[in-house]
Amino acid sequence: MEPTEPTEPVSLDKALASFDECWSPRIVAAVNDYDVRLAKFEGEHVWHVHEDTDEFFLVLDGEVHIGLREPAGERTVVLTKGSLFTVPRGTWHKPSAPRRAEVLLFEPTNTLSVGDQHEEVPDYVDVTTGHALT
């Protein structure tokens, strides 16, 4: 989505209602060189890493688990509605959701949804830099 001058407010409820696909983020706004993306999570994503950027997650609805591989070992953070977490650059991580969840992501424009390195990507995970909201 090319950055544009804002003409109308964006309703997150309407934006989320406009698509059903999980693991297929939609770009709802641009802030400088960053995308604000909405996504639906259900099941498991893939282990991946963004070498040069952090990844911001804000849970709008549902529950999201983020597996992390850190120097001290693996751990999982659990995010509930209204909570946020930033995965530091260079950290292998794997988002998942036991049931459908709605998430707002904030990351640099053209950031690939499966990072710079990743495990094998199943068909249900959309390898994308985000889709325009329609």
N, C-alpha and C. Protein backbone atom coordinates (compact mmCIF):
# COMPACT_ATOMS: atom_id res chain seq x y z
N MET A 1 0.85 -1.16 0.00
CA MET A 1 0.00 0.00 0.00
C MET A 1 0.88 1.22 0.00
N GLU A 2 0.71 2.09 -0.93
CA GLU A 2 1.49 3.31 -0.99
C GLU A 2 0.98 4.29 0.07
N PRO A 3 1.87 4.97 0.79
CA PRO A 3 1.42 5.96 1.76
C PRO A 3 0.62 7.04 1.06
N THR A 4 -0.46 7.42 1.67
CA THR A 4 -1.31 8.46 1.12
C THR A 4 -1.68 9.44 2.22
N GLU A 5 -2.17 10.59 1.81
CA GLU A 5 -2.68 11.55 2.78
C GLU A 5 -3.96 10.99 3.37
N PRO A 6 -4.12 11.04 4.67
CA PRO A 6 -5.36 10.52 5.26
C PRO A 6 -6.55 11.37 4.83
N THR A 7 -7.61 10.68 4.43
CA THR A 7 -8.81 11.38 4.04
C THR A 7 -9.97 11.07 4.97
N GLU A 8 -9.94 9.89 5.58
CA GLU A 8 -10.99 9.47 6.50
C GLU A 8 -10.38 8.60 7.58
N PRO A 9 -10.97 8.59 8.76
CA PRO A 9 -10.50 7.67 9.79
C PRO A 9 -10.70 6.22 9.34
N VAL A 10 -9.88 5.33 9.85
CA VAL A 10 -10.00 3.91 9.55
C VAL A 10 -10.68 3.21 10.73
N SER A 11 -11.76 2.52 10.47
CA SER A 11 -12.43 1.72 11.49
C SER A 11 -11.76 0.35 11.53
N LEU A 12 -11.12 0.03 12.65
CA LEU A 12 -10.47 -1.27 12.76
C LEU A 12 -11.49 -2.40 12.69
N ASP A 13 -12.67 -2.20 13.26
CA ASP A 13 -13.72 -3.23 13.19
C ASP A 13 -14.10 -3.52 11.74
N LYS A 14 -14.30 -2.47 10.95
CA LYS A 14 -14.66 -2.67 9.53
C LYS A 14 -13.50 -3.27 8.76
N ALA A 15 -12.30 -2.82 9.05
CA ALA A 15 -11.13 -3.37 8.36
C ALA A 15 -11.00 -4.87 8.65
N LEU A 16 -11.16 -5.26 9.90
CA LEU A 16 -11.06 -6.68 10.26
C LEU A 16 -12.19 -7.49 9.65
N ALA A 17 -13.35 -6.90 9.51
CA ALA A 17 -14.50 -7.61 8.91
C ALA A 17 -14.34 -7.79 7.41
N SER A 18 -13.40 -7.09 6.80
CA SER A 18 -13.25 -7.12 5.34
C SER A 18 -12.44 -8.32 4.83
N PHE A 19 -11.87 -9.12 5.74
CA PHE A 19 -11.12 -10.30 5.31
C PHE A 19 -11.23 -11.39 6.36
N ASP A 20 -11.06 -12.65 5.92
CA ASP A 20 -11.16 -13.80 6.82
C ASP A 20 -9.86 -14.56 6.99
N GLU A 21 -8.93 -14.43 6.05
CA GLU A 21 -7.72 -15.24 6.01
C GLU A 21 -6.84 -14.99 7.24
N CYS A 22 -6.36 -16.09 7.81
CA CYS A 22 -5.39 -15.99 8.89
C CYS A 22 -3.98 -15.95 8.30
N TRP A 23 -3.10 -15.33 9.03
CA TRP A 23 -1.68 -15.23 8.66
C TRP A 23 -1.50 -14.52 7.32
N SER A 24 -2.36 -13.54 7.04
CA SER A 24 -2.33 -12.78 5.79
C SER A 24 -2.61 -11.31 6.10
N PRO A 25 -1.61 -10.57 6.58
CA PRO A 25 -1.84 -9.22 7.09
C PRO A 25 -2.30 -8.22 6.02
N ARG A 26 -3.11 -7.25 6.49
CA ARG A 26 -3.60 -6.16 5.66
C ARG A 26 -2.99 -4.86 6.17
N ILE A 27 -2.55 -4.02 5.26
CA ILE A 27 -1.96 -2.73 5.63
C ILE A 27 -3.10 -1.72 5.76
N VAL A 28 -3.24 -1.15 6.96
CA VAL A 28 -4.34 -0.20 7.20
C VAL A 28 -3.86 1.24 7.26
N ALA A 29 -2.57 1.44 7.43
CA ALA A 29 -2.03 2.80 7.49
C ALA A 29 -0.51 2.73 7.31
N ALA A 30 0.05 3.88 6.98
CA ALA A 30 1.50 4.03 6.91
C ALA A 30 1.90 5.18 7.82
N VAL A 31 2.98 4.97 8.58
CA VAL A 31 3.52 6.00 9.45
C VAL A 31 5.00 6.11 9.11
N ASN A 32 5.36 7.20 8.43
CA ASN A 32 6.72 7.36 7.93
C ASN A 32 7.08 6.14 7.09
N ASP A 33 8.09 5.38 7.46
CA ASP A 33 8.51 4.21 6.69
C ASP A 33 8.02 2.91 7.30
N TYR A 34 6.92 2.98 8.06
CA TYR A 34 6.37 1.81 8.74
C TYR A 34 4.95 1.54 8.29
N ASP A 35 4.59 0.26 8.30
CA ASP A 35 3.21 -0.16 8.04
C ASP A 35 2.52 -0.47 9.35
N VAL A 36 1.26 -0.09 9.42
CA VAL A 36 0.37 -0.56 10.48
C VAL A 36 -0.45 -1.65 9.81
N ARG A 37 -0.33 -2.87 10.31
CA ARG A 37 -0.98 -4.02 9.68
C ARG A 37 -1.96 -4.66 10.65
N LEU A 38 -3.04 -5.18 10.09
CA LEU A 38 -3.99 -5.99 10.85
C LEU A 38 -3.88 -7.41 10.37
N ALA A 39 -3.95 -8.35 11.29
CA ALA A 39 -3.89 -9.76 10.90
C ALA A 39 -4.78 -10.56 11.83
N LYS A 40 -5.19 -11.70 11.31
CA LYS A 40 -5.92 -12.69 12.10
C LYS A 40 -4.99 -13.88 12.27
N PHE A 41 -4.89 -14.35 13.49
CA PHE A 41 -4.03 -15.49 13.81
C PHE A 41 -4.92 -16.64 14.27
N GLU A 42 -4.58 -17.84 13.84
CA GLU A 42 -5.19 -19.05 14.39
C GLU A 42 -4.27 -20.21 14.06
N GLY A 43 -3.98 -21.06 15.03
CA GLY A 43 -3.02 -22.12 14.82
C GLY A 43 -1.61 -21.57 14.95
N GLU A 44 -0.68 -22.16 14.21
CA GLU A 44 0.73 -21.79 14.34
C GLU A 44 1.28 -21.14 13.08
N HIS A 45 2.12 -20.15 13.28
CA HIS A 45 2.88 -19.53 12.19
C HIS A 45 4.14 -20.38 12.03
N VAL A 46 5.27 -19.81 11.69
CA VAL A 46 6.53 -20.54 11.57
C VAL A 46 7.60 -19.84 12.41
N TRP A 47 8.60 -20.61 12.82
CA TRP A 47 9.77 -19.99 13.45
C TRP A 47 10.45 -19.14 12.40
N HIS A 48 10.73 -17.88 12.76
CA HIS A 48 11.40 -16.98 11.82
C HIS A 48 12.11 -15.88 12.60
N VAL A 49 12.92 -15.13 11.87
CA VAL A 49 13.68 -14.05 12.49
C VAL A 49 13.73 -12.86 11.53
N HIS A 50 13.62 -11.67 12.10
CA HIS A 50 13.83 -10.41 11.36
C HIS A 50 15.17 -9.88 11.86
N GLU A 51 16.18 -9.98 11.03
CA GLU A 51 17.54 -9.63 11.47
C GLU A 51 17.71 -8.15 11.81
N ASP A 52 17.02 -7.26 11.08
CA ASP A 52 17.29 -5.83 11.20
C ASP A 52 16.14 -5.00 11.76
N THR A 53 15.08 -5.63 12.23
CA THR A 53 13.97 -4.85 12.76
C THR A 53 13.26 -5.57 13.89
N ASP A 54 12.75 -4.80 14.82
CA ASP A 54 11.88 -5.33 15.86
C ASP A 54 10.51 -5.60 15.22
N GLU A 55 9.66 -6.38 15.91
CA GLU A 55 8.30 -6.62 15.44
C GLU A 55 7.35 -6.39 16.62
N PHE A 56 6.39 -5.49 16.41
CA PHE A 56 5.44 -5.06 17.44
C PHE A 56 4.10 -5.76 17.27
N PHE A 57 3.59 -6.34 18.34
CA PHE A 57 2.30 -7.03 18.34
C PHE A 57 1.39 -6.37 19.38
N LEU A 58 0.16 -6.03 19.01
CA LEU A 58 -0.87 -5.56 19.92
C LEU A 58 -2.10 -6.43 19.70
N VAL A 59 -2.53 -7.15 20.72
CA VAL A 59 -3.67 -8.05 20.58
C VAL A 59 -4.96 -7.26 20.77
N LEU A 60 -5.77 -7.22 19.71
CA LEU A 60 -7.05 -6.52 19.74
C LEU A 60 -8.16 -7.41 20.27
N ASP A 61 -8.05 -8.71 19.99
CA ASP A 61 -9.03 -9.67 20.48
C ASP A 61 -8.40 -11.06 20.49
N GLY A 62 -8.75 -11.86 21.48
CA GLY A 62 -8.22 -13.21 21.56
C GLY A 62 -6.96 -13.30 22.40
N GLU A 63 -6.21 -14.35 22.16
CA GLU A 63 -4.98 -14.63 22.89
C GLU A 63 -3.91 -15.09 21.91
N VAL A 64 -2.73 -14.55 22.05
CA VAL A 64 -1.61 -14.87 21.18
C VAL A 64 -0.44 -15.36 22.02
N HIS A 65 0.18 -16.44 21.57
CA HIS A 65 1.39 -16.96 22.22
C HIS A 65 2.55 -16.68 21.27
N ILE A 66 3.65 -16.20 21.81
CA ILE A 66 4.83 -15.97 20.98
C ILE A 66 5.99 -16.76 21.59
N GLY A 67 6.39 -17.81 20.87
CA GLY A 67 7.56 -18.57 21.27
C GLY A 67 8.80 -17.77 20.93
N LEU A 68 9.77 -17.77 21.83
CA LEU A 68 11.01 -17.01 21.63
C LEU A 68 12.20 -17.93 21.86
N ARG A 69 13.20 -17.80 21.02
CA ARG A 69 14.48 -18.49 21.22
C ARG A 69 15.49 -17.41 21.59
N GLU A 70 15.84 -17.39 22.87
CA GLU A 70 16.73 -16.36 23.40
C GLU A 70 18.01 -17.01 23.89
N PRO A 71 19.06 -16.21 24.15
CA PRO A 71 20.31 -16.80 24.63
C PRO A 71 20.14 -17.67 25.87
N ALA A 72 19.18 -17.32 26.74
CA ALA A 72 18.97 -18.10 27.96
C ALA A 72 18.12 -19.34 27.72
N GLY A 73 17.60 -19.49 26.50
CA GLY A 73 16.76 -20.64 26.17
C GLY A 73 15.44 -20.22 25.56
N GLU A 74 14.57 -21.20 25.38
CA GLU A 74 13.26 -20.91 24.80
C GLU A 74 12.26 -20.56 25.89
N ARG A 75 11.34 -19.66 25.54
CA ARG A 75 10.24 -19.34 26.42
C ARG A 75 9.06 -18.89 25.57
N THR A 76 7.89 -18.81 26.16
CA THR A 76 6.71 -18.35 25.46
C THR A 76 6.07 -17.22 26.24
N VAL A 77 5.77 -16.12 25.56
CA VAL A 77 5.01 -15.04 26.18
C VAL A 77 3.56 -15.20 25.73
N VAL A 78 2.64 -14.92 26.65
CA VAL A 78 1.22 -15.03 26.35
C VAL A 78 0.62 -13.63 26.40
N LEU A 79 0.00 -13.24 25.29
CA LEU A 79 -0.61 -11.93 25.19
C LEU A 79 -2.12 -12.09 25.14
N THR A 80 -2.83 -11.35 25.97
CA THR A 80 -4.28 -11.35 25.95
C THR A 80 -4.77 -10.03 25.38
N LYS A 81 -6.06 -9.94 25.16
CA LYS A 81 -6.67 -8.74 24.59
C LYS A 81 -6.17 -7.49 25.32
N GLY A 82 -5.68 -6.54 24.53
CA GLY A 82 -5.20 -5.28 25.08
C GLY A 82 -3.74 -5.28 25.47
N SER A 83 -3.04 -6.41 25.34
CA SER A 83 -1.62 -6.43 25.70
C SER A 83 -0.76 -6.36 24.44
N LEU A 84 0.46 -5.88 24.64
CA LEU A 84 1.39 -5.75 23.52
C LEU A 84 2.74 -6.29 23.90
N PHE A 85 3.52 -6.57 22.86
CA PHE A 85 4.87 -7.10 23.05
C PHE A 85 5.69 -6.78 21.81
N THR A 86 6.95 -6.47 22.02
CA THR A 86 7.87 -6.24 20.91
C THR A 86 8.92 -7.34 20.92
N VAL A 87 9.03 -8.05 19.79
CA VAL A 87 10.08 -9.04 19.61
C VAL A 87 11.32 -8.29 19.12
N PRO A 88 12.41 -8.35 19.87
CA PRO A 88 13.62 -7.64 19.45
C PRO A 88 14.20 -8.21 18.15
N ARG A 89 14.77 -7.34 17.36
CA ARG A 89 15.44 -7.77 16.12
C ARG A 89 16.44 -8.86 16.44
N GLY A 90 16.55 -9.79 15.49
CA GLY A 90 17.51 -10.87 15.65
C GLY A 90 17.04 -12.01 16.55
N THR A 91 15.79 -11.96 17.04
CA THR A 91 15.26 -13.00 17.91
C THR A 91 14.35 -13.93 17.12
N TRP A 92 14.68 -15.21 17.11
CA TRP A 92 13.81 -16.20 16.49
C TRP A 92 12.51 -16.26 17.28
N HIS A 93 11.38 -16.25 16.58
CA HIS A 93 10.09 -16.28 17.25
C HIS A 93 9.05 -17.00 16.41
N LYS A 94 8.00 -17.46 17.10
CA LYS A 94 6.92 -18.19 16.44
C LYS A 94 5.59 -17.81 17.08
N PRO A 95 4.80 -16.97 16.39
CA PRO A 95 3.47 -16.64 16.90
C PRO A 95 2.51 -17.81 16.71
N SER A 96 1.56 -17.91 17.63
CA SER A 96 0.48 -18.89 17.49
C SER A 96 -0.73 -18.37 18.26
N ALA A 97 -1.88 -18.97 17.97
CA ALA A 97 -3.10 -18.60 18.68
C ALA A 97 -3.97 -19.85 18.81
N PRO A 98 -4.38 -20.18 20.04
CA PRO A 98 -5.18 -21.38 20.24
C PRO A 98 -6.56 -21.27 19.57
N ARG A 99 -7.07 -20.06 19.47
CA ARG A 99 -8.33 -19.75 18.78
C ARG A 99 -8.10 -18.47 17.99
N ARG A 100 -9.01 -18.14 17.11
CA ARG A 100 -8.86 -16.95 16.28
C ARG A 100 -8.57 -15.72 17.14
N ALA A 101 -7.55 -14.97 16.75
CA ALA A 101 -7.17 -13.73 17.42
C ALA A 101 -7.00 -12.64 16.38
N GLU A 102 -7.19 -11.41 16.79
CA GLU A 102 -7.01 -10.25 15.91
C GLU A 102 -5.87 -9.41 16.47
N VAL A 103 -4.92 -9.07 15.58
CA VAL A 103 -3.67 -8.46 16.02
C VAL A 103 -3.33 -7.26 15.15
N LEU A 104 -2.81 -6.21 15.78
CA LEU A 104 -2.25 -5.07 15.07
C LEU A 104 -0.73 -5.21 15.13
N LEU A 105 -0.08 -5.09 13.99
CA LEU A 105 1.37 -5.19 13.87
C LEU A 105 1.93 -3.87 13.38
N PHE A 106 3.11 -3.54 13.83
CA PHE A 106 3.78 -2.32 13.39
C PHE A 106 5.20 -2.70 13.02
N GLU A 107 5.53 -2.54 11.73
CA GLU A 107 6.86 -2.92 11.27
C GLU A 107 7.23 -2.14 10.00
N PRO A 108 8.52 -2.06 9.68
CA PRO A 108 8.93 -1.30 8.51
C PRO A 108 8.24 -1.80 7.22
N THR A 109 7.91 -0.86 6.36
CA THR A 109 7.33 -1.19 5.07
C THR A 109 8.22 -2.20 4.36
N ASN A 110 7.60 -3.15 3.68
CA ASN A 110 8.27 -4.21 2.92
C ASN A 110 8.90 -5.29 3.80
N THR A 111 8.55 -5.33 5.07
CA THR A 111 9.02 -6.42 5.93
C THR A 111 8.24 -7.68 5.58
N LEU A 112 8.93 -8.74 5.30
CA LEU A 112 8.31 -10.00 4.91
C LEU A 112 7.71 -10.70 6.14
N SER A 113 6.52 -11.24 5.98
CA SER A 113 5.81 -11.86 7.10
C SER A 113 6.52 -13.08 7.69
N VAL A 114 7.44 -13.66 6.95
CA VAL A 114 8.19 -14.82 7.46
C VAL A 114 9.65 -14.47 7.72
N GLY A 115 9.95 -13.19 7.83
CA GLY A 115 11.28 -12.74 8.21
C GLY A 115 12.35 -12.97 7.16
N ASP A 116 13.58 -12.79 7.60
CA ASP A 116 14.75 -12.95 6.72
C ASP A 116 15.17 -14.40 6.62
N GLN A 117 14.93 -15.17 7.68
CA GLN A 117 15.19 -16.60 7.70
C GLN A 117 13.98 -17.24 8.37
N HIS A 118 13.65 -18.46 7.94
CA HIS A 118 12.48 -19.13 8.51
C HIS A 118 12.54 -20.61 8.24
N GLU A 119 11.73 -21.35 9.01
CA GLU A 119 11.59 -22.77 8.75
C GLU A 119 10.68 -22.94 7.54
N GLU A 120 10.45 -24.17 7.12
CA GLU A 120 9.59 -24.43 5.97
C GLU A 120 8.21 -23.81 6.21
N VAL A 121 7.69 -23.13 5.19
CA VAL A 121 6.43 -22.41 5.31
C VAL A 121 5.27 -23.26 4.79
N PRO A 122 4.29 -23.56 5.65
CA PRO A 122 3.13 -24.33 5.19
C PRO A 122 2.24 -23.47 4.29
N ASP A 123 1.39 -24.12 3.52
CA ASP A 123 0.52 -23.42 2.57
C ASP A 123 -0.40 -22.39 3.21
N TYR A 124 -0.80 -22.59 4.44
CA TYR A 124 -1.75 -21.68 5.07
C TYR A 124 -1.12 -20.37 5.56
N VAL A 125 0.21 -20.27 5.52
CA VAL A 125 0.89 -19.03 5.90
C VAL A 125 1.19 -18.24 4.63
N ASP A 126 0.68 -17.02 4.57
CA ASP A 126 0.88 -16.14 3.42
C ASP A 126 2.24 -15.47 3.52
N VAL A 127 3.13 -15.73 2.59
CA VAL A 127 4.43 -15.07 2.53
C VAL A 127 4.21 -13.75 1.80
N THR A 128 4.20 -12.65 2.55
CA THR A 128 3.81 -11.36 1.99
C THR A 128 4.47 -10.21 2.73
N THR A 129 4.48 -9.06 2.11
CA THR A 129 4.88 -7.82 2.79
C THR A 129 3.61 -7.06 3.18
N GLY A 130 2.48 -7.73 3.14
CA GLY A 130 1.20 -7.11 3.51
C GLY A 130 0.37 -6.83 2.27
N HIS A 131 -0.94 -6.96 2.42
CA HIS A 131 -1.87 -6.68 1.34
C HIS A 131 -2.60 -5.37 1.61
N ALA A 132 -2.94 -4.67 0.54
CA ALA A 132 -3.71 -3.44 0.70
C ALA A 132 -5.09 -3.80 1.23
N LEU A 133 -5.62 -2.96 2.06
CA LEU A 133 -6.96 -3.15 2.58
C LEU A 133 -7.96 -2.81 1.49
N THR A 134 -8.92 -3.69 1.26
CA THR A 134 -9.92 -3.41 0.22
C THR A 134 -11.29 -3.23 0.81
